[in-house]
PDB file of N, CA and C in Angstrom:
ATOM      1  N   MET A   1      88.788  85.136  81.635  1.00  0.00           N
ATOM      2  CA  MET A   1      89.703  85.625  82.639  1.00  0.00           C
ATOM      3  C   MET A   1      89.245  85.072  83.995  1.00  0.00           C
ATOM      4  N   THR A   2      90.159  84.497  84.752  1.00  0.00           N
ATOM      5  CA  THR A   2      89.808  83.909  86.040  1.00  0.00           C
ATOM      6  C   THR A   2      89.992  84.920  87.165  1.00  0.00           C
ATOM      7  N   GLN A   3      89.460  84.576  88.330  1.00  0.00           N
ATOM      8  CA  GLN A   3      89.599  85.448  89.500  1.00  0.00           C
ATOM      9  C   GLN A   3      91.067  85.666  89.853  1.00  0.00           C
ATOM     10  N   ALA A   4      91.908  84.645  89.662  1.00  0.00           N
ATOM     11  CA  ALA A   4      93.332  84.775  89.975  1.00  0.00           C
ATOM     12  C   ALA A   4      94.013  85.791  89.064  1.00  0.00           C
ATOM     13  N   GLU A   5      93.442  86.011  87.890  1.00  0.00           N
ATOM     14  CA  GLU A   5      94.022  86.961  86.944  1.00  0.00           C
ATOM     15  C   GLU A   5      93.563  88.393  87.204  1.00  0.00           C
ATOM     16  N   LEU A   6      92.594  88.554  88.103  1.00  0.00           N
ATOM     17  CA  LEU A   6      92.063  89.878  88.410  1.00  0.00           C
ATOM     18  C   LEU A   6      92.447  90.279  89.826  1.00  0.00           C
ATOM     19  N   MET A   7      92.863  91.526  89.977  1.00  0.00           N
ATOM     20  CA  MET A   7      93.264  92.033  91.286  1.00  0.00           C
ATOM     21  C   MET A   7      92.211  93.005  91.805  1.00  0.00           C
ATOM     22  N   THR A   8      92.020  92.993  93.108  1.00  0.00           N
ATOM     23  CA  THR A   8      91.142  93.979  93.733  1.00  0.00           C
ATOM     24  C   THR A   8      91.873  95.319  93.751  1.00  0.00           C
ATOM     25  N   PRO A   9      91.148  96.400  93.981  1.00  0.00           N
ATOM     26  CA  PRO A   9      91.829  97.692  94.101  1.00  0.00           C
ATOM     27  C   PRO A   9      92.907  97.691  95.189  1.00  0.00           C
ATOM     28  N   ALA A  10      92.656  97.026  96.305  1.00  0.00           N
ATOM     29  CA  ALA A  10      93.652  96.975  97.380  1.00  0.00           C
ATOM     30  C   ALA A  10      94.914  96.240  96.926  1.00  0.00           C
ATOM     31  N   GLN A  11      94.750  95.142  96.212  1.00  0.00           N
ATOM     32  CA  GLN A  11      95.903  94.389  95.713  1.00  0.00           C
ATOM     33  C   GLN A  11      96.687  95.201  94.691  1.00  0.00           C
ATOM     34  N   ALA A  12      95.973  95.848  93.779  1.00  0.00           N
ATOM     35  CA  ALA A  12      96.632  96.650  92.746  1.00  0.00           C
ATOM     36  C   ALA A  12      97.367  97.831  93.367  1.00  0.00           C
ATOM     37  N   ALA A  13      96.740  98.490  94.331  1.00  0.00           N
ATOM     38  CA  ALA A  13      97.377  99.626  95.000  1.00  0.00           C
ATOM     39  C   ALA A  13      98.643  99.183  95.723  1.00  0.00           C
ATOM     40  N   SER A  14      98.584  98.034  96.362  1.00  0.00           N
ATOM     41  CA  SER A  14      99.757  97.504  97.057  1.00  0.00           C
ATOM     42  C   SER A  14     100.892  97.224  96.077  1.00  0.00           C
ATOM     43  N   LEU A  15     100.572  96.630  94.944  1.00  0.00           N
ATOM     44  CA  LEU A  15     101.573  96.349  93.914  1.00  0.00           C
ATOM     45  C   LEU A  15     102.237  97.635  93.434  1.00  0.00           C
ATOM     46  N   LEU A  16     101.440  98.691  93.270  1.00  0.00           N
ATOM     47  CA  LEU A  16     101.952  99.953  92.742  1.00  0.00           C
ATOM     48  C   LEU A  16     102.542 100.861  93.819  1.00  0.00           C
ATOM     49  N   GLY A  17     102.316 100.515  95.082  1.00  0.00           N
ATOM     50  CA  GLY A  17     102.852 101.331  96.170  1.00  0.00           C
ATOM     51  C   GLY A  17     102.104 102.638  96.373  1.00  0.00           C
ATOM     52  N   VAL A  18     100.803 102.619  96.100  1.00  0.00           N
ATOM     53  CA  VAL A  18      99.962 103.800  96.288  1.00  0.00           C
ATOM     54  C   VAL A  18      98.742 103.399  97.112  1.00  0.00           C
ATOM     55  N   THR A  19      97.971 104.385  97.526  1.00  0.00           N
ATOM     56  CA  THR A  19      96.741 104.087  98.253  1.00  0.00           C
ATOM     57  C   THR A  19      95.632 103.743  97.268  1.00  0.00           C
ATOM     58  N   THR A  20      94.587 103.118  97.776  1.00  0.00           N
ATOM     59  CA  THR A  20      93.443 102.815  96.918  1.00  0.00           C
ATOM     60  C   THR A  20      92.782 104.108  96.446  1.00  0.00           C
ATOM     61  N   LYS A  21      92.844 105.146  97.257  1.00  0.00           N
ATOM     62  CA  LYS A  21      92.278 106.440  96.858  1.00  0.00           C
ATOM     63  C   LYS A  21      93.042 107.019  95.668  1.00  0.00           C
ATOM     64  N   THR A  22      94.371 106.946  95.712  1.00  0.00           N
ATOM     65  CA  THR A  22      95.187 107.429  94.594  1.00  0.00           C
ATOM     66  C   THR A  22      94.888 106.626  93.339  1.00  0.00           C
ATOM     67  N   LEU A  23      94.794 105.323  93.482  1.00  0.00           N
ATOM     68  CA  LEU A  23      94.495 104.460  92.342  1.00  0.00           C
ATOM     69  C   LEU A  23      93.133 104.813  91.734  1.00  0.00           C
ATOM     70  N   ALA A  24      92.145 105.051  92.577  1.00  0.00           N
ATOM     71  CA  ALA A  24      90.814 105.434  92.090  1.00  0.00           C
ATOM     72  C   ALA A  24      90.867 106.780  91.372  1.00  0.00           C
ATOM     73  N   THR A  25      91.651 107.704  91.899  1.00  0.00           N
ATOM     74  CA  THR A  25      91.797 109.015  91.260  1.00  0.00           C
ATOM     75  C   THR A  25      92.425 108.865  89.887  1.00  0.00           C
ATOM     76  N   TRP A  26      93.470 108.064  89.787  1.00  0.00           N
ATOM     77  CA  TRP A  26      94.116 107.822  88.492  1.00  0.00           C
ATOM     78  C   TRP A  26      93.110 107.240  87.507  1.00  0.00           C
ATOM     79  N   ARG A  27      92.320 106.279  87.969  1.00  0.00           N
ATOM     80  CA  ARG A  27      91.348 105.617  87.101  1.00  0.00           C
ATOM     81  C   ARG A  27      90.271 106.595  86.642  1.00  0.00           C
ATOM     82  N   CYS A  28      89.740 107.359  87.561  1.00  0.00           N
ATOM     83  CA  CYS A  28      88.623 108.266  87.246  1.00  0.00           C
ATOM     84  C   CYS A  28      89.039 109.458  86.398  1.00  0.00           C
ATOM     85  N   THR A  29      90.258 109.932  86.585  1.00  0.00           N
ATOM     86  CA  THR A  29      90.715 111.105  85.834  1.00  0.00           C
ATOM     87  C   THR A  29      91.465 110.729  84.571  1.00  0.00           C
ATOM     88  N   GLY A  30      91.862 109.451  84.461  1.00  0.00           N
ATOM     89  CA  GLY A  30      92.654 109.022  83.312  1.00  0.00           C
ATOM     90  C   GLY A  30      94.084 109.530  83.374  1.00  0.00           C
ATOM     91  N   ARG A  31      94.499 109.967  84.542  1.00  0.00           N
ATOM     92  CA  ARG A  31      95.822 110.582  84.694  1.00  0.00           C
ATOM     93  C   ARG A  31      96.959 109.676  84.242  1.00  0.00           C
ATOM     94  N   HIS A  32      96.901 108.410  84.602  1.00  0.00           N
ATOM     95  CA  HIS A  32      97.979 107.489  84.240  1.00  0.00           C
ATOM     96  C   HIS A  32      97.515 106.322  83.383  1.00  0.00           C
ATOM     97  N   SER A  33      96.286 106.322  82.939  1.00  0.00           N
ATOM     98  CA  SER A  33      95.744 105.266  82.072  1.00  0.00           C
ATOM     99  C   SER A  33      95.982 103.867  82.623  1.00  0.00           C
ATOM    100  N   VAL A  34      95.713 103.686  83.904  1.00  0.00           N
ATOM    101  CA  VAL A  34      95.866 102.385  84.543  1.00  0.00           C
ATOM    102  C   VAL A  34      94.823 101.436  83.956  1.00  0.00           C
ATOM    103  N   PRO A  35      95.246 100.247  83.492  1.00  0.00           N
ATOM    104  CA  PRO A  35      94.284  99.309  82.905  1.00  0.00           C
ATOM    105  C   PRO A  35      93.353  98.720  83.970  1.00  0.00           C
ATOM    106  N   TYR A  36      92.065  98.739  83.700  1.00  0.00           N
ATOM    107  CA  TYR A  36      91.089  98.164  84.624  1.00  0.00           C
ATOM    108  C   TYR A  36      89.870  97.701  83.839  1.00  0.00           C
ATOM    109  N   ILE A  37      89.072  96.881  84.498  1.00  0.00           N
ATOM    110  CA  ILE A  37      87.792  96.466  83.933  1.00  0.00           C
ATOM    111  C   ILE A  37      86.746  96.566  85.031  1.00  0.00           C
ATOM    112  N   LYS A  38      85.496  96.638  84.621  1.00  0.00           N
ATOM    113  CA  LYS A  38      84.401  96.614  85.582  1.00  0.00           C
ATOM    114  C   LYS A  38      83.698  95.276  85.451  1.00  0.00           C
ATOM    115  N   VAL A  39      83.496  94.639  86.581  1.00  0.00           N
ATOM    116  CA  VAL A  39      82.756  93.386  86.659  1.00  0.00           C
ATOM    117  C   VAL A  39      81.500  93.717  87.454  1.00  0.00           C
ATOM    118  N   GLY A  40      80.430  93.965  86.739  1.00  0.00           N
ATOM    119  CA  GLY A  40      79.237  94.500  87.398  1.00  0.00           C
ATOM    120  C   GLY A  40      79.562  95.903  87.874  1.00  0.00           C
ATOM    121  N   SER A  41      79.408  96.136  89.163  1.00  0.00           N
ATOM    122  CA  SER A  41      79.746  97.446  89.716  1.00  0.00           C
ATOM    123  C   SER A  41      81.145  97.461  90.332  1.00  0.00           C
ATOM    124  N   ARG A  42      81.817  96.327  90.291  1.00  0.00           N
ATOM    125  CA  ARG A  42      83.146  96.219  90.903  1.00  0.00           C
ATOM    126  C   ARG A  42      84.252  96.523  89.906  1.00  0.00           C
ATOM    127  N   VAL A  43      85.271  97.204  90.400  1.00  0.00           N
ATOM    128  CA  VAL A  43      86.446  97.503  89.585  1.00  0.00           C
ATOM    129  C   VAL A  43      87.493  96.438  89.874  1.00  0.00           C
ATOM    130  N   ARG A  44      88.077  95.897  88.813  1.00  0.00           N
ATOM    131  CA  ARG A  44      89.150  94.919  88.950  1.00  0.00           C
ATOM    132  C   ARG A  44      90.279  95.302  88.005  1.00  0.00           C
ATOM    133  N   TYR A  45      91.481  94.891  88.361  1.00  0.00           N
ATOM    134  CA  TYR A  45      92.668  95.209  87.580  1.00  0.00           C
ATOM    135  C   TYR A  45      93.271  93.910  87.060  1.00  0.00           C
ATOM    136  N   PRO A  46      93.327  93.740  85.741  1.00  0.00           N
ATOM    137  CA  PRO A  46      93.920  92.530  85.174  1.00  0.00           C
ATOM    138  C   PRO A  46      95.410  92.477  85.521  1.00  0.00           C
ATOM    139  N   ARG A  47      95.804  91.418  86.191  1.00  0.00           N
ATOM    140  CA  ARG A  47      97.176  91.286  86.705  1.00  0.00           C
ATOM    141  C   ARG A  47      98.225  91.445  85.600  1.00  0.00           C
ATOM    142  N   LYS A  48      98.074  90.744  84.493  1.00  0.00           N
ATOM    143  CA  LYS A  48      99.085  90.805  83.433  1.00  0.00           C
ATOM    144  C   LYS A  48      99.183  92.210  82.846  1.00  0.00           C
ATOM    145  N   GLN A  49      98.050  92.813  82.530  1.00  0.00           N
ATOM    146  CA  GLN A  49      98.069  94.156  81.942  1.00  0.00           C
ATOM    147  C   GLN A  49      98.630  95.184  82.917  1.00  0.00           C
ATOM    148  N   LEU A  50      98.334  95.027  84.200  1.00  0.00           N
ATOM    149  CA  LEU A  50      98.860  95.956  85.197  1.00  0.00           C
ATOM    150  C   LEU A  50     100.373  95.799  85.326  1.00  0.00           C
ATOM    151  N   ASN A  51     100.851  94.557  85.325  1.00  0.00           N
ATOM    152  CA  ASN A  51     102.300  94.331  85.368  1.00  0.00           C
ATOM    153  C   ASN A  51     102.979  94.866  84.111  1.00  0.00           C
ATOM    154  N   ASP A  52     102.355  94.668  82.952  1.00  0.00           N
ATOM    155  CA  ASP A  52     102.899  95.206  81.697  1.00  0.00           C
ATOM    156  C   ASP A  52     102.936  96.730  81.732  1.00  0.00           C
ATOM    157  N   TRP A  53     101.874  97.343  82.241  1.00  0.00           N
ATOM    158  CA  TRP A  53     101.787  98.801  82.353  1.00  0.00           C
ATOM    159  C   TRP A  53     102.898  99.325  83.256  1.00  0.00           C
ATOM    160  N   LEU A  54     103.088  98.652  84.386  1.00  0.00           N
ATOM    161  CA  LEU A  54     104.122  99.066  85.332  1.00  0.00           C
ATOM    162  C   LEU A  54     105.506  98.907  84.717  1.00  0.00           C
ATOM    163  N   SER A  55     105.755  97.790  84.060  1.00  0.00           N
ATOM    164  CA  SER A  55     107.054  97.559  83.414  1.00  0.00           C
ATOM    165  C   SER A  55     107.337  98.604  82.348  1.00  0.00           C
ATOM    166  N   ALA A  56     106.344  98.940  81.558  1.00  0.00           N
ATOM    167  CA  ALA A  56     106.529  99.943  80.505  1.00  0.00           C
ATOM    168  C   ALA A  56     106.884 101.295  81.102  1.00  0.00           C
ATOM    169  N   ARG A  57     106.256 101.632  82.212  1.00  0.00           N
ATOM    170  CA  ARG A  57     106.534 102.917  82.851  1.00  0.00           C
ATOM    171  C   ARG A  57     107.924 102.909  83.481  1.00  0.00           C
ATOM    172  N   LEU A  58     108.330 101.807  84.061  1.00  0.00           N
ATOM    173  CA  LEU A  58     109.658 101.727  84.674  1.00  0.00           C
ATOM    174  C   LEU A  58     110.744 101.726  83.609  1.00  0.00           C
ATOM    175  N   ASN A  59     110.544 100.946  82.562  1.00  0.00           N
ATOM    176  CA  ASN A  59     111.538 100.841  81.497  1.00  0.00           C
ATOM    177  C   ASN A  59     111.553 102.067  80.604  1.00  0.00           C
ATOM    178  N   GLY A  60     110.426 102.757  80.524  1.00  0.00           N
ATOM    179  CA  GLY A  60     110.329 103.933  79.667  1.00  0.00           C
ATOM    180  C   GLY A  60     110.794 105.209  80.335  1.00  0.00           C
ATOM    181  N   GLY A  61     111.114 105.129  81.621  1.00  0.00           N
ATOM    182  CA  GLY A  61     111.606 106.293  82.325  1.00  0.00           C
ATOM    183  C   GLY A  61     110.535 107.254  82.784  1.00  0.00           C
ATOM    184  N   GLN A  62     109.262 106.859  82.669  1.00  0.00           N
ATOM    185  CA  GLN A  62     108.178 107.716  83.136  1.00  0.00           C
ATOM    186  C   GLN A  62     107.931 107.450  84.607  1.00  0.00           C
ATOM    187  N   GLN A  63     107.370 108.418  85.273  1.00  0.00           N
ATOM    188  CA  GLN A  63     107.028 108.235  86.671  1.00  0.00           C
ATOM    189  C   GLN A  63     105.650 107.615  86.780  1.00  0.00           C
ATOM    190  N   ALA A  64     105.489 106.692  87.730  1.00  0.00           N
ATOM    191  CA  ALA A  64     104.181 106.059  87.953  1.00  0.00           C
ATOM    192  C   ALA A  64     103.305 106.923  88.815  1.00  0.00           C
TER     193      ALA A  64
END
């Protein structure tokens, strides 16, 4: 997986229209099962999986 395929928390939050704090809360609590990986101590969001997750939620009628 290349750097271009991984999003920072700020980039992922912007894509989802939420704050980085909300995104971190979702990740830590498992509230929305947002796909992420850890690279060392850094959290990154795989672009394709995040887009797929968002599409599934939009098409499935669930709230993000």
